[in-house]
Amino acid sequence: MMRAIHQAAFFVFTLLAISASAAAWVAPDADDLAARLADNAPQCGRFEQTRWLADLDSQLESRGTFEHQDAGLVWQTTSPINDRVVMSADNDELPMGFQAVAPVLGGLLSGDWQALERYFAIELSGTQEEWQAKLTPSEANIAQRLDQLLVHGNQQVERVEIMFTNDDRLELTLSGAACERLEDDKHTS
């Protein structure tokens, strides 16, 4: 009887050890991921955005470009309307929705996880090649507007899902592009 208990305990311990080592092997290292994202952060790129508005029970789709400039992250919507927003901490004219998202997008697109850790608890999962990060607001002003973010990627951030406290949702698909190509697109539209 005691031998069976010891064998069962050994089996459970072995399973736990294998599970723990597999989890450590699978989950990406935060510092390595941050360094890789910073090294591969696109200066410019394109986005496709889907916004679900809970109050109106409707969905809005848009697309455009983004570019890191000295003034901040320039978010240029090109369809269905043409609109330009500069996301930076010192932009007092930034609409409320962008105020909550600005530090997030800036940190994500530049690979600055240290900036994100000031505002969010970050939980990483997946592998270095196919990772996911769950960001839960830890800063009160952001927590008033955002419930959580799910971020997916590889060498760069590829998709961001943002859940707002008012039940709205925003999904962004991002792809890096040469800045010159974005300028060419503007002149041909």
C-alpha atoms as a PDB file:
ATOM      1  CA  MET A   1       0.000   0.000   0.000  1.00  0.00           C
ATOM      2  CA  MET A   2       2.751   2.451   0.942  1.00  0.00           C
ATOM      3  CA  ARG A   3       4.652   1.539  -2.200  1.00  0.00           C
ATOM      4  CA  ALA A   4       1.582   2.373  -4.332  1.00  0.00           C
ATOM      5  CA  ILE A   5       1.196   5.725  -2.578  1.00  0.00           C
ATOM      6  CA  HIS A   6       4.892   6.515  -3.147  1.00  0.00           C
ATOM      7  CA  GLN A   7       4.608   5.498  -6.822  1.00  0.00           C
ATOM      8  CA  ALA A   8       1.506   7.689  -7.236  1.00  0.00           C
ATOM      9  CA  ALA A   9       3.220  10.611  -5.515  1.00  0.00           C
ATOM     10  CA  PHE A  10       6.314  10.142  -7.698  1.00  0.00           C
ATOM     11  CA  PHE A  11       4.088  10.011 -10.820  1.00  0.00           C
ATOM     12  CA  VAL A  12       2.274  13.214  -9.807  1.00  0.00           C
ATOM     13  CA  PHE A  13       5.575  14.934  -8.962  1.00  0.00           C
ATOM     14  CA  THR A  14       7.058  13.861 -12.329  1.00  0.00           C
ATOM     15  CA  LEU A  15       4.002  15.169 -14.189  1.00  0.00           C
ATOM     16  CA  LEU A  16       4.197  18.481 -12.349  1.00  0.00           C
ATOM     17  CA  ALA A  17       7.924  18.792 -13.077  1.00  0.00           C
ATOM     18  CA  ILE A  18       7.398  18.007 -16.771  1.00  0.00           C
ATOM     19  CA  SER A  19       4.484  20.462 -16.955  1.00  0.00           C
ATOM     20  CA  ALA A  20       6.480  23.192 -15.230  1.00  0.00           C
ATOM     21  CA  SER A  21       9.517  22.698 -17.461  1.00  0.00           C
ATOM     22  CA  ALA A  22       7.318  22.581 -20.585  1.00  0.00           C
ATOM     23  CA  ALA A  23       5.593  25.798 -19.507  1.00  0.00           C
ATOM     24  CA  ALA A  24       8.973  27.465 -18.945  1.00  0.00           C
ATOM     25  CA  TRP A  25      10.160  26.240 -22.344  1.00  0.00           C
ATOM     26  CA  VAL A  26       7.030  27.422 -24.152  1.00  0.00           C
ATOM     27  CA  ALA A  27       6.491  30.861 -22.605  1.00  0.00           C
ATOM     28  CA  PRO A  28       8.577  33.598 -24.198  1.00  0.00           C
ATOM     29  CA  ASP A  29      11.110  35.444 -22.098  1.00  0.00           C
ATOM     30  CA  ALA A  30       9.882  39.021 -21.564  1.00  0.00           C
ATOM     31  CA  ASP A  31      13.340  40.616 -21.880  1.00  0.00           C
ATOM     32  CA  ASP A  32      14.204  38.654 -25.046  1.00  0.00           C
ATOM     33  CA  LEU A  33      10.817  39.469 -26.561  1.00  0.00           C
ATOM     34  CA  ALA A  34      11.138  43.167 -25.714  1.00  0.00           C
ATOM     35  CA  ALA A  35      14.610  43.289 -27.289  1.00  0.00           C
ATOM     36  CA  ARG A  36      13.413  41.517 -30.436  1.00  0.00           C
ATOM     37  CA  LEU A  37      10.365  43.783 -30.779  1.00  0.00           C
ATOM     38  CA  ALA A  38      12.516  46.889 -30.287  1.00  0.00           C
ATOM     39  CA  ASP A  39      15.003  45.632 -32.905  1.00  0.00           C
ATOM     40  CA  ASN A  40      12.196  44.905 -35.390  1.00  0.00           C
ATOM     41  CA  ALA A  41       9.887  47.825 -34.588  1.00  0.00           C
ATOM     42  CA  PRO A  42       8.634  49.312 -37.837  1.00  0.00           C
ATOM     43  CA  GLN A  43       9.146  53.037 -38.363  1.00  0.00           C
ATOM     44  CA  CYS A  44       6.078  52.975 -40.616  1.00  0.00           C
ATOM     45  CA  GLY A  45       3.293  50.591 -41.417  1.00  0.00           C
ATOM     46  CA  ARG A  46      -0.313  49.925 -42.285  1.00  0.00           C
ATOM     47  CA  PHE A  47      -3.280  49.079 -40.111  1.00  0.00           C
ATOM     48  CA  GLU A  48      -6.746  47.642 -40.528  1.00  0.00           C
ATOM     49  CA  GLN A  49      -9.109  48.403 -37.697  1.00  0.00           C
ATOM     50  CA  THR A  50     -12.489  47.039 -36.663  1.00  0.00           C
ATOM     51  CA  ARG A  51     -14.334  48.837 -33.881  1.00  0.00           C
ATOM     52  CA  TRP A  52     -17.428  47.315 -32.247  1.00  0.00           C
ATOM     53  CA  LEU A  53     -19.646  49.938 -30.626  1.00  0.00           C
ATOM     54  CA  ALA A  54     -21.714  48.263 -27.933  1.00  0.00           C
ATOM     55  CA  ASP A  55     -24.214  51.118 -27.449  1.00  0.00           C
ATOM     56  CA  LEU A  56     -25.044  51.209 -31.153  1.00  0.00           C
ATOM     57  CA  ASP A  57     -24.663  47.458 -31.707  1.00  0.00           C
ATOM     58  CA  SER A  58     -22.647  48.221 -34.820  1.00  0.00           C
ATOM     59  CA  GLN A  59     -19.220  47.733 -36.294  1.00  0.00           C
ATOM     60  CA  LEU A  60     -16.985  50.267 -38.030  1.00  0.00           C
ATOM     61  CA  GLU A  61     -14.069  49.307 -40.239  1.00  0.00           C
ATOM     62  CA  SER A  62     -11.206  51.548 -41.263  1.00  0.00           C
ATOM     63  CA  ARG A  63      -7.660  51.342 -42.497  1.00  0.00           C
ATOM     64  CA  GLY A  64      -4.678  53.573 -42.833  1.00  0.00           C
ATOM     65  CA  THR A  65      -1.031  54.065 -41.982  1.00  0.00           C
ATOM     66  CA  PHE A  66       1.127  54.831 -38.970  1.00  0.00           C
ATOM     67  CA  GLU A  67       4.523  56.466 -38.681  1.00  0.00           C
ATOM     68  CA  HIS A  68       6.814  57.242 -35.760  1.00  0.00           C
ATOM     69  CA  GLN A  69       7.835  60.898 -35.935  1.00  0.00           C
ATOM     70  CA  ASP A  70       9.472  63.287 -33.480  1.00  0.00           C
ATOM     71  CA  ALA A  71       6.027  64.677 -32.564  1.00  0.00           C
ATOM     72  CA  GLY A  72       4.721  61.193 -31.706  1.00  0.00           C
ATOM     73  CA  LEU A  73       2.975  58.291 -33.397  1.00  0.00           C
ATOM     74  CA  VAL A  74       1.098  59.634 -36.424  1.00  0.00           C
ATOM     75  CA  TRP A  75      -2.059  57.594 -37.007  1.00  0.00           C
ATOM     76  CA  GLN A  76      -3.434  58.406 -40.474  1.00  0.00           C
ATOM     77  CA  THR A  77      -6.835  56.927 -41.319  1.00  0.00           C
ATOM     78  CA  THR A  78      -7.284  56.751 -45.095  1.00  0.00           C
ATOM     79  CA  SER A  79     -10.591  54.879 -45.383  1.00  0.00           C
ATOM     80  CA  PRO A  80     -13.543  55.360 -45.040  1.00  0.00           C
ATOM     81  CA  ILE A  81     -12.538  58.928 -44.123  1.00  0.00           C
ATOM     82  CA  ASN A  82      -9.234  60.756 -44.147  1.00  0.00           C
ATOM     83  CA  ASP A  83      -8.187  61.708 -40.600  1.00  0.00           C
ATOM     84  CA  ARG A  84      -4.814  62.307 -38.924  1.00  0.00           C
ATOM     85  CA  VAL A  85      -4.080  62.031 -35.213  1.00  0.00           C
ATOM     86  CA  VAL A  86      -0.713  62.542 -33.507  1.00  0.00           C
ATOM     87  CA  MET A  87      -0.560  60.300 -30.461  1.00  0.00           C
ATOM     88  CA  SER A  88       1.780  61.714 -27.870  1.00  0.00           C
ATOM     89  CA  ALA A  89       1.649  62.375 -24.151  1.00  0.00           C
ATOM     90  CA  ASP A  90       1.763  66.133 -24.665  1.00  0.00           C
ATOM     91  CA  ASN A  91      -1.069  66.327 -27.224  1.00  0.00           C
ATOM     92  CA  ASP A  92      -3.871  68.008 -25.232  1.00  0.00           C
ATOM     93  CA  GLU A  93      -6.238  67.829 -28.221  1.00  0.00           C
ATOM     94  CA  LEU A  94      -6.137  64.039 -28.377  1.00  0.00           C
ATOM     95  CA  PRO A  95      -9.684  62.583 -28.316  1.00  0.00           C
ATOM     96  CA  MET A  96     -10.598  60.597 -25.150  1.00  0.00           C
ATOM     97  CA  GLY A  97     -10.490  57.208 -26.886  1.00  0.00           C
ATOM     98  CA  PHE A  98      -6.984  57.884 -28.146  1.00  0.00           C
ATOM     99  CA  GLN A  99      -5.792  59.135 -24.733  1.00  0.00           C
ATOM    100  CA  ALA A 100      -6.195  55.659 -23.278  1.00  0.00           C
ATOM    101  CA  VAL A 101      -4.730  53.907 -26.308  1.00  0.00           C
ATOM    102  CA  ALA A 102      -1.823  56.279 -27.122  1.00  0.00           C
ATOM    103  CA  PRO A 103       0.699  55.004 -24.540  1.00  0.00           C
ATOM    104  CA  VAL A 104      -0.261  51.440 -25.394  1.00  0.00           C
ATOM    105  CA  LEU A 105       0.208  51.730 -29.155  1.00  0.00           C
ATOM    106  CA  GLY A 106       3.384  53.739 -28.770  1.00  0.00           C
ATOM    107  CA  GLY A 107       4.878  51.155 -26.405  1.00  0.00           C
ATOM    108  CA  LEU A 108       3.731  48.184 -28.475  1.00  0.00           C
ATOM    109  CA  LEU A 109       4.851  49.493 -31.843  1.00  0.00           C
ATOM    110  CA  SER A 110       8.261  50.579 -30.566  1.00  0.00           C
ATOM    111  CA  GLY A 111       8.837  47.428 -28.502  1.00  0.00           C
ATOM    112  CA  ASP A 112       9.076  49.455 -25.279  1.00  0.00           C
ATOM    113  CA  TRP A 113       7.803  46.896 -22.749  1.00  0.00           C
ATOM    114  CA  GLN A 114       9.228  48.928 -19.865  1.00  0.00           C
ATOM    115  CA  ALA A 115       6.816  51.750 -20.729  1.00  0.00           C
ATOM    116  CA  LEU A 116       3.958  49.258 -20.905  1.00  0.00           C
ATOM    117  CA  GLU A 117       4.876  47.759 -17.524  1.00  0.00           C
ATOM    118  CA  ARG A 118       4.251  51.186 -15.953  1.00  0.00           C
ATOM    119  CA  TYR A 119       0.597  50.949 -16.971  1.00  0.00           C
ATOM    120  CA  PHE A 120      -0.145  47.212 -17.217  1.00  0.00           C
ATOM    121  CA  ALA A 121       0.404  43.825 -15.656  1.00  0.00           C
ATOM    122  CA  ILE A 122       1.701  41.717 -18.573  1.00  0.00           C
ATOM    123  CA  GLU A 123       1.187  37.983 -18.897  1.00  0.00           C
ATOM    124  CA  LEU A 124       3.074  36.294 -21.752  1.00  0.00           C
ATOM    125  CA  SER A 125       2.225  32.951 -23.307  1.00  0.00           C
ATOM    126  CA  GLY A 126       3.010  30.960 -26.430  1.00  0.00           C
ATOM    127  CA  THR A 127       6.485  30.734 -27.938  1.00  0.00           C
ATOM    128  CA  GLN A 128       9.059  33.255 -29.118  1.00  0.00           C
ATOM    129  CA  GLU A 129       7.789  32.658 -32.674  1.00  0.00           C
ATOM    130  CA  GLU A 130       4.046  32.813 -31.887  1.00  0.00           C
ATOM    131  CA  TRP A 131       3.558  34.793 -28.700  1.00  0.00           C
ATOM    132  CA  GLN A 132       0.585  36.394 -27.017  1.00  0.00           C
ATOM    133  CA  ALA A 133       0.538  39.005 -24.270  1.00  0.00           C
ATOM    134  CA  LYS A 134      -2.416  39.770 -22.039  1.00  0.00           C
ATOM    135  CA  LEU A 135      -2.195  43.304 -20.653  1.00  0.00           C
ATOM    136  CA  THR A 136      -4.370  44.198 -17.678  1.00  0.00           C
ATOM    137  CA  PRO A 137      -4.394  47.870 -16.632  1.00  0.00           C
ATOM    138  CA  SER A 138      -2.671  48.597 -13.329  1.00  0.00           C
ATOM    139  CA  GLU A 139      -2.882  52.383 -13.657  1.00  0.00           C
ATOM    140  CA  ALA A 140      -6.187  53.918 -12.499  1.00  0.00           C
ATOM    141  CA  ASN A 141      -6.752  56.355 -15.392  1.00  0.00           C
ATOM    142  CA  ILE A 142      -6.267  53.616 -17.981  1.00  0.00           C
ATOM    143  CA  ALA A 143      -8.320  51.099 -15.971  1.00  0.00           C
ATOM    144  CA  GLN A 144     -11.263  53.526 -16.125  1.00  0.00           C
ATOM    145  CA  ARG A 145     -11.338  53.114 -19.923  1.00  0.00           C
ATOM    146  CA  LEU A 146      -9.712  49.751 -20.732  1.00  0.00           C
ATOM    147  CA  ASP A 147     -10.486  46.277 -19.382  1.00  0.00           C
ATOM    148  CA  GLN A 148      -7.671  44.418 -21.089  1.00  0.00           C
ATOM    149  CA  LEU A 149      -5.635  44.012 -24.239  1.00  0.00           C
ATOM    150  CA  LEU A 150      -4.587  40.894 -26.069  1.00  0.00           C
ATOM    151  CA  VAL A 151      -1.539  41.321 -28.250  1.00  0.00           C
ATOM    152  CA  HIS A 152      -0.300  38.722 -30.742  1.00  0.00           C
ATOM    153  CA  GLY A 153       2.853  38.671 -32.779  1.00  0.00           C
ATOM    154  CA  ASN A 154       6.047  37.160 -34.049  1.00  0.00           C
ATOM    155  CA  GLN A 155       9.018  39.431 -34.863  1.00  0.00           C
ATOM    156  CA  GLN A 156       6.664  42.416 -34.574  1.00  0.00           C
ATOM    157  CA  VAL A 157       3.271  43.121 -33.064  1.00  0.00           C
ATOM    158  CA  GLU A 158       0.775  41.780 -35.605  1.00  0.00           C
ATOM    159  CA  ARG A 159      -2.618  42.031 -33.917  1.00  0.00           C
ATOM    160  CA  VAL A 160      -4.040  43.953 -30.968  1.00  0.00           C
ATOM    161  CA  GLU A 161      -7.465  43.398 -29.414  1.00  0.00           C
ATOM    162  CA  ILE A 162      -8.598  46.076 -26.974  1.00  0.00           C
ATOM    163  CA  MET A 163     -11.599  45.596 -24.668  1.00  0.00           C
ATOM    164  CA  PHE A 164     -12.976  48.865 -23.285  1.00  0.00           C
ATOM    165  CA  THR A 165     -14.883  49.208 -20.001  1.00  0.00           C
ATOM    166  CA  ASN A 166     -18.034  50.318 -21.883  1.00  0.00           C
ATOM    167  CA  ASP A 167     -18.114  46.941 -23.741  1.00  0.00           C
ATOM    168  CA  ASP A 168     -16.718  48.450 -26.963  1.00  0.00           C
ATOM    169  CA  ARG A 169     -13.939  46.481 -28.650  1.00  0.00           C
ATOM    170  CA  LEU A 170     -11.206  47.413 -31.094  1.00  0.00           C
ATOM    171  CA  GLU A 171      -9.199  44.988 -33.189  1.00  0.00           C
ATOM    172  CA  LEU A 172      -6.102  46.158 -35.051  1.00  0.00           C
ATOM    173  CA  THR A 173      -4.112  44.222 -37.607  1.00  0.00           C
ATOM    174  CA  LEU A 174      -0.682  45.794 -38.140  1.00  0.00           C
ATOM    175  CA  SER A 175       2.012  45.315 -40.748  1.00  0.00           C
ATOM    176  CA  GLY A 176       5.291  47.138 -41.167  1.00  0.00           C
ATOM    177  CA  ALA A 177       6.007  48.941 -44.448  1.00  0.00           C
ATOM    178  CA  ALA A 178       8.721  51.128 -45.880  1.00  0.00           C
ATOM    179  CA  CYS A 179       7.935  54.793 -45.208  1.00  0.00           C
ATOM    180  CA  GLU A 180       8.553  55.633 -48.879  1.00  0.00           C
ATOM    181  CA  ARG A 181       5.825  53.171 -49.893  1.00  0.00           C
ATOM    182  CA  LEU A 182       3.354  54.976 -47.641  1.00  0.00           C
ATOM    183  CA  GLU A 183       4.210  58.276 -49.332  1.00  0.00           C
ATOM    184  CA  ASP A 184       3.707  56.637 -52.749  1.00  0.00           C
ATOM    185  CA  ASP A 185       0.288  55.388 -51.605  1.00  0.00           C
ATOM    186  CA  LYS A 186      -0.742  58.920 -50.578  1.00  0.00           C
ATOM    187  CA  HIS A 187       0.177  60.355 -53.979  1.00  0.00           C
ATOM    188  CA  THR A 188      -1.675  57.657 -55.955  1.00  0.00           C
ATOM    189  CA  SER A 189      -4.928  57.835 -53.973  1.00  0.00           C
END
